[in-house]
C-alpha atoms as a PDB file:
ATOM      1  CA  MET A   1       0.000   0.000   0.000  1.00  0.00           C
ATOM      2  CA  THR A   2       1.355   3.398  -0.985  1.00  0.00           C
ATOM      3  CA  ASP A   3       1.543   6.131   1.636  1.00  0.00           C
ATOM      4  CA  MET A   4      -0.015   9.210   0.031  1.00  0.00           C
ATOM      5  CA  THR A   5       0.776  12.504   1.717  1.00  0.00           C
ATOM      6  CA  LEU A   6      -2.205  14.815   1.537  1.00  0.00           C
ATOM      7  CA  THR A   7      -1.624  18.336   0.315  1.00  0.00           C
ATOM      8  CA  PRO A   8      -1.935  20.661   3.314  1.00  0.00           C
ATOM      9  CA  ALA A   9      -4.447  23.478   3.276  1.00  0.00           C
ATOM     10  CA  ILE A  10      -3.235  27.036   2.747  1.00  0.00           C
ATOM     11  CA  GLU A  11      -4.699  29.822   4.867  1.00  0.00           C
ATOM     12  CA  LEU A  12      -3.481  33.401   4.648  1.00  0.00           C
ATOM     13  CA  SER A  13      -5.090  36.367   6.350  1.00  0.00           C
ATOM     14  CA  ALA A  14      -5.935  39.379   4.233  1.00  0.00           C
ATOM     15  CA  THR A  15      -3.667  42.404   4.360  1.00  0.00           C
ATOM     16  CA  ALA A  16      -4.238  45.897   3.005  1.00  0.00           C
ATOM     17  CA  ALA A  17      -2.892  44.751  -0.382  1.00  0.00           C
ATOM     18  CA  THR A  18      -3.472  40.987  -0.490  1.00  0.00           C
ATOM     19  CA  PRO A  19      -6.615  38.874  -0.288  1.00  0.00           C
ATOM     20  CA  GLU A  20      -7.599  36.314   2.279  1.00  0.00           C
ATOM     21  CA  VAL A  21      -6.654  32.899   0.934  1.00  0.00           C
ATOM     22  CA  LYS A  22      -8.179  29.579   1.939  1.00  0.00           C
ATOM     23  CA  PHE A  23      -7.162  26.659  -0.241  1.00  0.00           C
ATOM     24  CA  ASP A  24      -8.751  23.606   1.394  1.00  0.00           C
ATOM     25  CA  PHE A  25      -7.568  20.884  -0.942  1.00  0.00           C
ATOM     26  CA  ALA A  26      -9.264  18.068   0.996  1.00  0.00           C
ATOM     27  CA  ALA A  27     -12.641  19.819   0.586  1.00  0.00           C
ATOM     28  CA  GLN A  28     -11.773  20.861  -2.999  1.00  0.00           C
ATOM     29  CA  LYS A  29     -12.681  24.444  -2.141  1.00  0.00           C
ATOM     30  CA  LEU A  30     -10.473  27.433  -2.888  1.00  0.00           C
ATOM     31  CA  LEU A  31     -11.161  31.021  -1.785  1.00  0.00           C
ATOM     32  CA  LEU A  32      -9.722  34.435  -2.628  1.00  0.00           C
ATOM     33  CA  LYS A  33     -11.419  37.340  -0.853  1.00  0.00           C
ATOM     34  CA  GLY A  34     -10.568  41.001  -0.380  1.00  0.00           C
ATOM     35  CA  GLU A  35      -8.272  43.177  -2.465  1.00  0.00           C
ATOM     36  CA  ALA A  36      -5.326  42.127  -4.621  1.00  0.00           C
ATOM     37  CA  TYR A  37      -2.699  44.709  -5.419  1.00  0.00           C
ATOM     38  CA  PRO A  38       0.507  43.381  -3.869  1.00  0.00           C
ATOM     39  CA  GLU A  39       3.743  45.151  -4.681  1.00  0.00           C
ATOM     40  CA  ASN A  40       4.979  41.900  -6.230  1.00  0.00           C
ATOM     41  CA  ALA A  41       1.968  39.937  -7.482  1.00  0.00           C
ATOM     42  CA  ALA A  42       4.106  37.056  -8.746  1.00  0.00           C
ATOM     43  CA  ALA A  43       5.703  36.578  -5.321  1.00  0.00           C
ATOM     44  CA  PHE A  44       2.249  36.440  -3.732  1.00  0.00           C
ATOM     45  CA  PHE A  45       0.411  34.281  -6.290  1.00  0.00           C
ATOM     46  CA  ARG A  46       3.168  31.935  -7.569  1.00  0.00           C
ATOM     47  CA  PRO A  47       3.310  29.767  -4.400  1.00  0.00           C
ATOM     48  CA  LEU A  48      -0.484  29.406  -4.546  1.00  0.00           C
ATOM     49  CA  LEU A  49      -0.388  28.422  -8.217  1.00  0.00           C
ATOM     50  CA  ASP A  50       2.450  25.966  -7.565  1.00  0.00           C
ATOM     51  CA  ALA A  51       0.541  24.380  -4.670  1.00  0.00           C
ATOM     52  CA  LEU A  52      -2.587  24.050  -6.808  1.00  0.00           C
ATOM     53  CA  GLU A  53      -0.685  22.507  -9.713  1.00  0.00           C
ATOM     54  CA  GLY A  54       1.088  20.107  -7.356  1.00  0.00           C
ATOM     55  CA  TRP A  55      -2.214  19.050  -5.841  1.00  0.00           C
ATOM     56  CA  LEU A  56      -3.819  18.543  -9.254  1.00  0.00           C
ATOM     57  CA  GLN A  57      -0.868  16.399 -10.339  1.00  0.00           C
ATOM     58  CA  SER A  58      -1.048  14.345  -7.123  1.00  0.00           C
ATOM     59  CA  GLY A  59      -4.329  12.691  -8.069  1.00  0.00           C
ATOM     60  CA  GLN A  60      -5.906  13.429  -4.677  1.00  0.00           C
ATOM     61  CA  GLN A  61      -9.092  14.855  -6.191  1.00  0.00           C
ATOM     62  CA  THR A  62     -12.487  13.211  -5.864  1.00  0.00           C
ATOM     63  CA  SER A  63     -15.304  13.287  -8.414  1.00  0.00           C
ATOM     64  CA  ALA A  64     -16.873  16.271  -6.601  1.00  0.00           C
ATOM     65  CA  PRO A  65     -16.484  19.636  -8.348  1.00  0.00           C
ATOM     66  CA  LEU A  66     -13.427  21.694  -7.537  1.00  0.00           C
ATOM     67  CA  GLN A  67     -14.763  25.083  -6.441  1.00  0.00           C
ATOM     68  CA  LEU A  68     -12.954  28.408  -6.642  1.00  0.00           C
ATOM     69  CA  HIS A  69     -14.736  31.268  -4.866  1.00  0.00           C
ATOM     70  CA  VAL A  70     -13.448  34.735  -5.781  1.00  0.00           C
ATOM     71  CA  ALA A  71     -14.700  37.918  -4.108  1.00  0.00           C
ATOM     72  CA  LEU A  72     -12.227  40.659  -4.947  1.00  0.00           C
ATOM     73  CA  SER A  73     -13.382  44.227  -4.506  1.00  0.00           C
ATOM     74  CA  TYR A  74     -10.237  45.466  -6.256  1.00  0.00           C
ATOM     75  CA  PHE A  75      -7.371  43.864  -8.176  1.00  0.00           C
ATOM     76  CA  ASN A  76      -4.640  45.499 -10.226  1.00  0.00           C
ATOM     77  CA  SER A  77      -3.353  44.542 -13.670  1.00  0.00           C
ATOM     78  CA  SER A  78      -0.453  42.410 -12.428  1.00  0.00           C
ATOM     79  CA  SER A  79      -2.851  40.472 -10.180  1.00  0.00           C
ATOM     80  CA  THR A  80      -5.216  40.071 -13.137  1.00  0.00           C
ATOM     81  CA  LYS A  81      -2.492  38.290 -15.113  1.00  0.00           C
ATOM     82  CA  LEU A  82      -1.917  35.831 -12.302  1.00  0.00           C
ATOM     83  CA  LEU A  83      -5.632  35.335 -11.716  1.00  0.00           C
ATOM     84  CA  PHE A  84      -5.880  34.433 -15.397  1.00  0.00           C
ATOM     85  CA  THR A  85      -3.090  31.898 -14.853  1.00  0.00           C
ATOM     86  CA  LEU A  86      -5.100  30.428 -11.971  1.00  0.00           C
ATOM     87  CA  PHE A  87      -8.253  30.272 -14.090  1.00  0.00           C
ATOM     88  CA  GLU A  88      -6.298  28.687 -16.961  1.00  0.00           C
ATOM     89  CA  ILE A  89      -4.961  25.963 -14.652  1.00  0.00           C
ATOM     90  CA  LEU A  90      -8.527  25.156 -13.602  1.00  0.00           C
ATOM     91  CA  ASN A  91      -9.833  25.411 -17.169  1.00  0.00           C
ATOM     92  CA  ASN A  92      -7.217  22.895 -18.327  1.00  0.00           C
ATOM     93  CA  HIS A  93      -8.126  20.583 -15.455  1.00  0.00           C
ATOM     94  CA  ALA A  94     -11.793  20.851 -16.443  1.00  0.00           C
ATOM     95  CA  LYS A  95     -10.902  19.982 -20.051  1.00  0.00           C
ATOM     96  CA  SER A  96      -9.721  16.606 -18.760  1.00  0.00           C
ATOM     97  CA  GLY A  97     -13.273  15.912 -17.584  1.00  0.00           C
ATOM     98  CA  ALA A  98     -12.939  17.032 -13.970  1.00  0.00           C
ATOM     99  CA  PRO A  99     -15.763  19.364 -12.912  1.00  0.00           C
ATOM    100  CA  CYS A 100     -14.489  22.816 -11.947  1.00  0.00           C
ATOM    101  CA  GLU A 101     -16.593  25.737 -10.793  1.00  0.00           C
ATOM    102  CA  LEU A 102     -15.692  29.410 -10.574  1.00  0.00           C
ATOM    103  CA  HIS A 103     -17.952  31.411  -8.268  1.00  0.00           C
ATOM    104  CA  TRP A 104     -17.397  35.094  -9.117  1.00  0.00           C
ATOM    105  CA  TYR A 105     -18.809  37.438  -6.457  1.00  0.00           C
ATOM    106  CA  TYR A 106     -19.180  41.104  -7.346  1.00  0.00           C
ATOM    107  CA  ASP A 107     -20.797  44.305  -6.154  1.00  0.00           C
ATOM    108  CA  PRO A 108     -24.001  44.741  -8.213  1.00  0.00           C
ATOM    109  CA  GLU A 109     -23.134  48.424  -8.617  1.00  0.00           C
ATOM    110  CA  ASP A 110     -19.723  47.588 -10.107  1.00  0.00           C
ATOM    111  CA  ASP A 111     -20.328  47.137 -13.836  1.00  0.00           C
ATOM    112  CA  ILE A 112     -16.652  46.488 -14.534  1.00  0.00           C
ATOM    113  CA  SER A 113     -16.444  43.549 -12.126  1.00  0.00           C
ATOM    114  CA  GLU A 114     -19.692  42.113 -13.490  1.00  0.00           C
ATOM    115  CA  GLU A 115     -18.432  42.390 -17.076  1.00  0.00           C
ATOM    116  CA  PHE A 116     -15.122  40.838 -16.027  1.00  0.00           C
ATOM    117  CA  GLY A 117     -17.050  37.850 -14.668  1.00  0.00           C
ATOM    118  CA  GLN A 118     -19.055  37.566 -17.882  1.00  0.00           C
ATOM    119  CA  GLU A 119     -15.839  37.575 -19.900  1.00  0.00           C
ATOM    120  CA  LEU A 120     -14.489  34.737 -17.766  1.00  0.00           C
ATOM    121  CA  ARG A 121     -17.239  32.520 -19.177  1.00  0.00           C
ATOM    122  CA  ILE A 122     -15.936  33.258 -22.676  1.00  0.00           C
ATOM    123  CA  ASP A 123     -12.224  33.056 -21.880  1.00  0.00           C
ATOM    124  CA  PHE A 124     -12.464  29.835 -19.852  1.00  0.00           C
ATOM    125  CA  PRO A 125     -15.272  27.818 -21.450  1.00  0.00           C
ATOM    126  CA  SER A 126     -14.520  24.560 -19.635  1.00  0.00           C
ATOM    127  CA  LEU A 127     -15.222  26.159 -16.259  1.00  0.00           C
ATOM    128  CA  THR A 128     -18.741  26.421 -14.917  1.00  0.00           C
ATOM    129  CA  VAL A 129     -18.893  30.107 -13.990  1.00  0.00           C
ATOM    130  CA  PHE A 130     -21.444  31.398 -11.499  1.00  0.00           C
ATOM    131  CA  LEU A 131     -21.916  35.168 -11.292  1.00  0.00           C
ATOM    132  CA  ILE A 132     -23.089  36.200  -7.837  1.00  0.00           C
ATOM    133  CA  PRO A 133     -24.147  39.864  -7.481  1.00  0.00           C
ATOM    134  CA  ASP A 134     -23.338  40.056  -3.765  1.00  0.00           C
ATOM    135  CA  ILE A 135     -19.672  40.384  -2.891  1.00  0.00           C
ATOM    136  CA  THR A 136     -20.494  39.911   0.801  1.00  0.00           C
ATOM    137  CA  ALA A 137     -22.029  36.460   0.182  1.00  0.00           C
ATOM    138  CA  CYS A 138     -18.640  34.793  -0.096  1.00  0.00           C
END
């Protein structure tokens, strides 16, 4: 019998410039909540992306959908690039037949965030994208 080490969860508290992060791999639920404009977006997001890719390659997933919940009230352009990398990782995983959901929470008075969520459906067609017009619901 092979001893499989489970990928540990990642929990980071929000700061003024970085979102709260809860990547609960065992529950297949990922969360980004708050604002994302770190001075070095790659330094913040790369370890999260690496952990996600490592977990996906480990084969620890179940048949339940992998859920990513995103409630960002603000994110800058460098964070956007890395968010797109995150979404692309999940989109590629979904292409392999694994169900992946993106829950995009936005302020109903923020047209830009709503349109961004709508564009995610086009840019990442293998993801099931839910648009939730209540950023506080996450």
